[in-house]
Amino acid sequence: MTKILSFPDGKEVPISRATSAESISNHQSKKYADALVDDHIIQLVASLQQEGLDIGKPTGTKTFLDVGIFLEAFRAMIYRDMDLKHPFHDITDKMMYVEKSKGRKYSVVNYSGTKIVKAPEETENVIEFESDIDFNDTN
């Protein structure tokens, strides 16, 4: 009889008729993805703390929600790469879109929440910035 062991603890997964190879595989993939995300976020937060920031510290309450959304967005990115479903994918798909210009792709945030209307590809070398600063002013 085949034994299936759980990642990362190595405990035996009970096999029943309702258990499919696909559901076990998805479960194991999610556990791996979660462990990967947790390890990288811990390293990132520790690095930011070494830079003198309060992110991730009990006193760093002003960034608490930012860390939470960043963590879930990062987890969703790893899940998507592994072809796993994550609820944050719906948020990303509604909030972001891909812009193509001159053979390059850019991810763009749709801050307005309005319907995205694709602009025709530019034929001139025009660069637009989201800023009140006039970058063409050399004075």
C-alpha atoms as a PDB file:
ATOM      1  CA  MET A   1       0.000   0.000   0.000  1.00  0.00           C
ATOM      2  CA  THR A   2       1.257   3.454  -0.935  1.00  0.00           C
ATOM      3  CA  LYS A   3       1.794   6.003   1.807  1.00  0.00           C
ATOM      4  CA  ILE A   4       1.359   9.716   1.182  1.00  0.00           C
ATOM      5  CA  LEU A   5       3.354  12.015   3.434  1.00  0.00           C
ATOM      6  CA  SER A   6       2.457  15.622   4.138  1.00  0.00           C
ATOM      7  CA  PHE A   7       4.882  18.488   3.478  1.00  0.00           C
ATOM      8  CA  PRO A   8       6.730  19.864   5.491  1.00  0.00           C
ATOM      9  CA  ASP A   9       5.921  17.854   8.625  1.00  0.00           C
ATOM     10  CA  GLY A  10       6.158  14.369   7.050  1.00  0.00           C
ATOM     11  CA  LYS A  11       2.934  13.132   8.670  1.00  0.00           C
ATOM     12  CA  GLU A  12       1.023  10.429   6.855  1.00  0.00           C
ATOM     13  CA  VAL A  13      -2.050  11.661   4.948  1.00  0.00           C
ATOM     14  CA  PRO A  14      -5.020   9.339   5.503  1.00  0.00           C
ATOM     15  CA  ILE A  15      -6.208   7.924   2.178  1.00  0.00           C
ATOM     16  CA  SER A  16      -9.921   7.590   1.582  1.00  0.00           C
ATOM     17  CA  ARG A  17     -12.013   6.991  -1.489  1.00  0.00           C
ATOM     18  CA  ALA A  18     -12.868  10.707  -1.556  1.00  0.00           C
ATOM     19  CA  THR A  19      -9.180  11.629  -1.689  1.00  0.00           C
ATOM     20  CA  SER A  20      -7.922  12.131  -5.213  1.00  0.00           C
ATOM     21  CA  ALA A  21      -4.352  12.424  -6.397  1.00  0.00           C
ATOM     22  CA  GLU A  22      -5.161  15.925  -7.734  1.00  0.00           C
ATOM     23  CA  SER A  23      -6.529  17.204  -4.418  1.00  0.00           C
ATOM     24  CA  ILE A  24      -3.524  15.793  -2.558  1.00  0.00           C
ATOM     25  CA  SER A  25      -1.197  17.375  -5.109  1.00  0.00           C
ATOM     26  CA  ASN A  26      -2.952  20.762  -4.785  1.00  0.00           C
ATOM     27  CA  HIS A  27      -2.851  20.525  -0.998  1.00  0.00           C
ATOM     28  CA  GLN A  28       0.860  19.750  -1.015  1.00  0.00           C
ATOM     29  CA  SER A  29       1.561  22.490  -3.576  1.00  0.00           C
ATOM     30  CA  LYS A  30      -0.292  25.038  -1.430  1.00  0.00           C
ATOM     31  CA  LYS A  31       1.656  23.994   1.668  1.00  0.00           C
ATOM     32  CA  TYR A  32       4.914  24.357  -0.274  1.00  0.00           C
ATOM     33  CA  ALA A  33       3.870  27.761  -1.666  1.00  0.00           C
ATOM     34  CA  ASP A  34       2.826  28.980   1.792  1.00  0.00           C
ATOM     35  CA  ALA A  35       6.129  27.867   3.319  1.00  0.00           C
ATOM     36  CA  LEU A  36       8.051  29.558   0.488  1.00  0.00           C
ATOM     37  CA  VAL A  37       6.108  32.811   0.907  1.00  0.00           C
ATOM     38  CA  ASP A  38       6.444  32.820   4.702  1.00  0.00           C
ATOM     39  CA  ASP A  39      10.201  32.253   4.519  1.00  0.00           C
ATOM     40  CA  HIS A  40      10.736  35.054   1.990  1.00  0.00           C
ATOM     41  CA  ILE A  41       8.483  37.521   3.809  1.00  0.00           C
ATOM     42  CA  ILE A  42      10.309  36.864   7.094  1.00  0.00           C
ATOM     43  CA  GLN A  43      13.633  37.534   5.351  1.00  0.00           C
ATOM     44  CA  LEU A  44      12.284  40.691   3.697  1.00  0.00           C
ATOM     45  CA  VAL A  45      10.812  42.082   6.918  1.00  0.00           C
ATOM     46  CA  ALA A  46      14.056  41.330   8.800  1.00  0.00           C
ATOM     47  CA  SER A  47      16.029  43.129   6.084  1.00  0.00           C
ATOM     48  CA  LEU A  48      13.738  46.178   6.279  1.00  0.00           C
ATOM     49  CA  GLN A  49      14.104  46.219  10.059  1.00  0.00           C
ATOM     50  CA  GLN A  50      17.897  46.178   9.677  1.00  0.00           C
ATOM     51  CA  GLU A  51      17.467  49.307   7.546  1.00  0.00           C
ATOM     52  CA  GLY A  52      15.869  50.990  10.561  1.00  0.00           C
ATOM     53  CA  LEU A  53      12.207  50.659   9.581  1.00  0.00           C
ATOM     54  CA  ASP A  54       9.520  49.579  12.048  1.00  0.00           C
ATOM     55  CA  ILE A  55       7.796  47.287   9.524  1.00  0.00           C
ATOM     56  CA  GLY A  56       6.790  44.025  11.169  1.00  0.00           C
ATOM     57  CA  LYS A  57       7.555  45.250  14.688  1.00  0.00           C
ATOM     58  CA  PRO A  58       4.812  45.607  17.311  1.00  0.00           C
ATOM     59  CA  THR A  59       5.442  49.373  17.202  1.00  0.00           C
ATOM     60  CA  GLY A  60       5.027  49.460  13.399  1.00  0.00           C
ATOM     61  CA  THR A  61       1.225  49.633  13.467  1.00  0.00           C
ATOM     62  CA  LYS A  62       0.996  52.244  10.702  1.00  0.00           C
ATOM     63  CA  THR A  63       2.124  49.685   8.086  1.00  0.00           C
ATOM     64  CA  PHE A  64       0.147  46.731   9.482  1.00  0.00           C
ATOM     65  CA  LEU A  65      -2.457  46.692   6.679  1.00  0.00           C
ATOM     66  CA  ASP A  66       0.185  47.321   4.004  1.00  0.00           C
ATOM     67  CA  VAL A  67       2.169  44.288   5.161  1.00  0.00           C
ATOM     68  CA  GLY A  68      -1.013  42.210   5.116  1.00  0.00           C
ATOM     69  CA  ILE A  69      -1.973  43.126   1.565  1.00  0.00           C
ATOM     70  CA  PHE A  70       1.621  42.758   0.361  1.00  0.00           C
ATOM     71  CA  LEU A  71       1.799  39.298   1.933  1.00  0.00           C
ATOM     72  CA  GLU A  72      -1.416  38.161   0.235  1.00  0.00           C
ATOM     73  CA  ALA A  73      -0.417  39.679  -3.117  1.00  0.00           C
ATOM     74  CA  PHE A  74       2.941  37.890  -2.904  1.00  0.00           C
ATOM     75  CA  ARG A  75       1.234  34.622  -1.934  1.00  0.00           C
ATOM     76  CA  ALA A  76      -1.205  35.013  -4.845  1.00  0.00           C
ATOM     77  CA  MET A  77       1.694  35.596  -7.248  1.00  0.00           C
ATOM     78  CA  ILE A  78       3.348  32.340  -6.163  1.00  0.00           C
ATOM     79  CA  TYR A  79       0.006  30.503  -6.339  1.00  0.00           C
ATOM     80  CA  ARG A  80      -0.645  31.809  -9.860  1.00  0.00           C
ATOM     81  CA  ASP A  81       2.821  30.692 -10.995  1.00  0.00           C
ATOM     82  CA  MET A  82       2.038  27.220  -9.632  1.00  0.00           C
ATOM     83  CA  ASP A  83      -1.434  27.193 -11.302  1.00  0.00           C
ATOM     84  CA  LEU A  84      -3.214  27.300  -7.935  1.00  0.00           C
ATOM     85  CA  LYS A  85      -6.305  29.386  -7.193  1.00  0.00           C
ATOM     86  CA  HIS A  86      -6.133  32.286  -4.714  1.00  0.00           C
ATOM     87  CA  PRO A  87      -8.893  34.833  -3.907  1.00  0.00           C
ATOM     88  CA  PHE A  88      -6.474  37.725  -4.447  1.00  0.00           C
ATOM     89  CA  HIS A  89      -6.303  36.849  -8.168  1.00  0.00           C
ATOM     90  CA  ASP A  90      -9.766  38.403  -8.601  1.00  0.00           C
ATOM     91  CA  ILE A  91      -8.547  41.630  -6.981  1.00  0.00           C
ATOM     92  CA  THR A  92      -5.399  41.747  -9.110  1.00  0.00           C
ATOM     93  CA  ASP A  93      -7.322  41.039 -12.304  1.00  0.00           C
ATOM     94  CA  LYS A  94      -9.757  43.887 -11.574  1.00  0.00           C
ATOM     95  CA  MET A  95      -7.112  46.351 -10.395  1.00  0.00           C
ATOM     96  CA  MET A  96      -4.339  45.761 -12.934  1.00  0.00           C
ATOM     97  CA  TYR A  97      -4.054  45.502 -16.682  1.00  0.00           C
ATOM     98  CA  VAL A  98      -1.283  44.892 -19.192  1.00  0.00           C
ATOM     99  CA  GLU A  99      -0.309  47.713 -21.515  1.00  0.00           C
ATOM    100  CA  LYS A 100       1.584  46.854 -24.679  1.00  0.00           C
ATOM    101  CA  SER A 101       3.686  49.458 -26.393  1.00  0.00           C
ATOM    102  CA  LYS A 102       6.373  48.965 -29.017  1.00  0.00           C
ATOM    103  CA  GLY A 103       6.717  45.279 -28.330  1.00  0.00           C
ATOM    104  CA  ARG A 104       7.066  45.693 -24.549  1.00  0.00           C
ATOM    105  CA  LYS A 105       4.568  44.861 -21.821  1.00  0.00           C
ATOM    106  CA  TYR A 106       3.890  46.964 -18.735  1.00  0.00           C
ATOM    107  CA  SER A 107       1.659  46.207 -15.765  1.00  0.00           C
ATOM    108  CA  VAL A 108      -0.495  49.225 -14.952  1.00  0.00           C
ATOM    109  CA  VAL A 109      -2.600  49.941 -11.858  1.00  0.00           C
ATOM    110  CA  ASN A 110      -6.156  51.065 -12.543  1.00  0.00           C
ATOM    111  CA  TYR A 111      -6.497  53.426  -9.550  1.00  0.00           C
ATOM    112  CA  SER A 112      -9.727  54.979 -10.793  1.00  0.00           C
ATOM    113  CA  GLY A 113     -11.623  51.706 -10.787  1.00  0.00           C
ATOM    114  CA  THR A 114     -13.243  52.651 -14.079  1.00  0.00           C
ATOM    115  CA  LYS A 115     -13.577  50.479 -17.120  1.00  0.00           C
ATOM    116  CA  ILE A 116     -10.271  50.034 -18.919  1.00  0.00           C
ATOM    117  CA  VAL A 117     -10.290  51.195 -22.515  1.00  0.00           C
ATOM    118  CA  LYS A 118      -7.270  50.143 -24.522  1.00  0.00           C
ATOM    119  CA  ALA A 119      -5.553  53.009 -26.324  1.00  0.00           C
ATOM    120  CA  PRO A 120      -4.164  52.395 -29.801  1.00  0.00           C
ATOM    121  CA  GLU A 121      -0.434  51.746 -29.935  1.00  0.00           C
ATOM    122  CA  GLU A 122       1.607  54.916 -30.220  1.00  0.00           C
ATOM    123  CA  THR A 123       3.329  55.665 -33.489  1.00  0.00           C
ATOM    124  CA  GLU A 124       5.561  58.436 -32.135  1.00  0.00           C
ATOM    125  CA  ASN A 125       8.193  58.358 -29.411  1.00  0.00           C
ATOM    126  CA  VAL A 126       6.032  60.125 -26.834  1.00  0.00           C
ATOM    127  CA  ILE A 127       6.568  59.424 -23.158  1.00  0.00           C
ATOM    128  CA  GLU A 128       3.917  60.512 -20.692  1.00  0.00           C
ATOM    129  CA  PHE A 129       4.481  60.721 -16.954  1.00  0.00           C
ATOM    130  CA  GLU A 130       1.911  60.759 -14.169  1.00  0.00           C
ATOM    131  CA  SER A 131       3.346  63.901 -12.576  1.00  0.00           C
ATOM    132  CA  ASP A 132       2.893  67.658 -12.430  1.00  0.00           C
ATOM    133  CA  ILE A 133       6.612  68.068 -13.087  1.00  0.00           C
ATOM    134  CA  ASP A 134       7.550  69.160 -16.606  1.00  0.00           C
ATOM    135  CA  PHE A 135      10.338  66.742 -17.482  1.00  0.00           C
ATOM    136  CA  ASN A 136      10.952  68.574 -20.765  1.00  0.00           C
ATOM    137  CA  ASP A 137      11.864  71.784 -18.922  1.00  0.00           C
ATOM    138  CA  THR A 138      15.688  71.968 -18.881  1.00  0.00           C
ATOM    139  CA  ASN A 139      15.897  75.126 -16.738  1.00  0.00           C
END
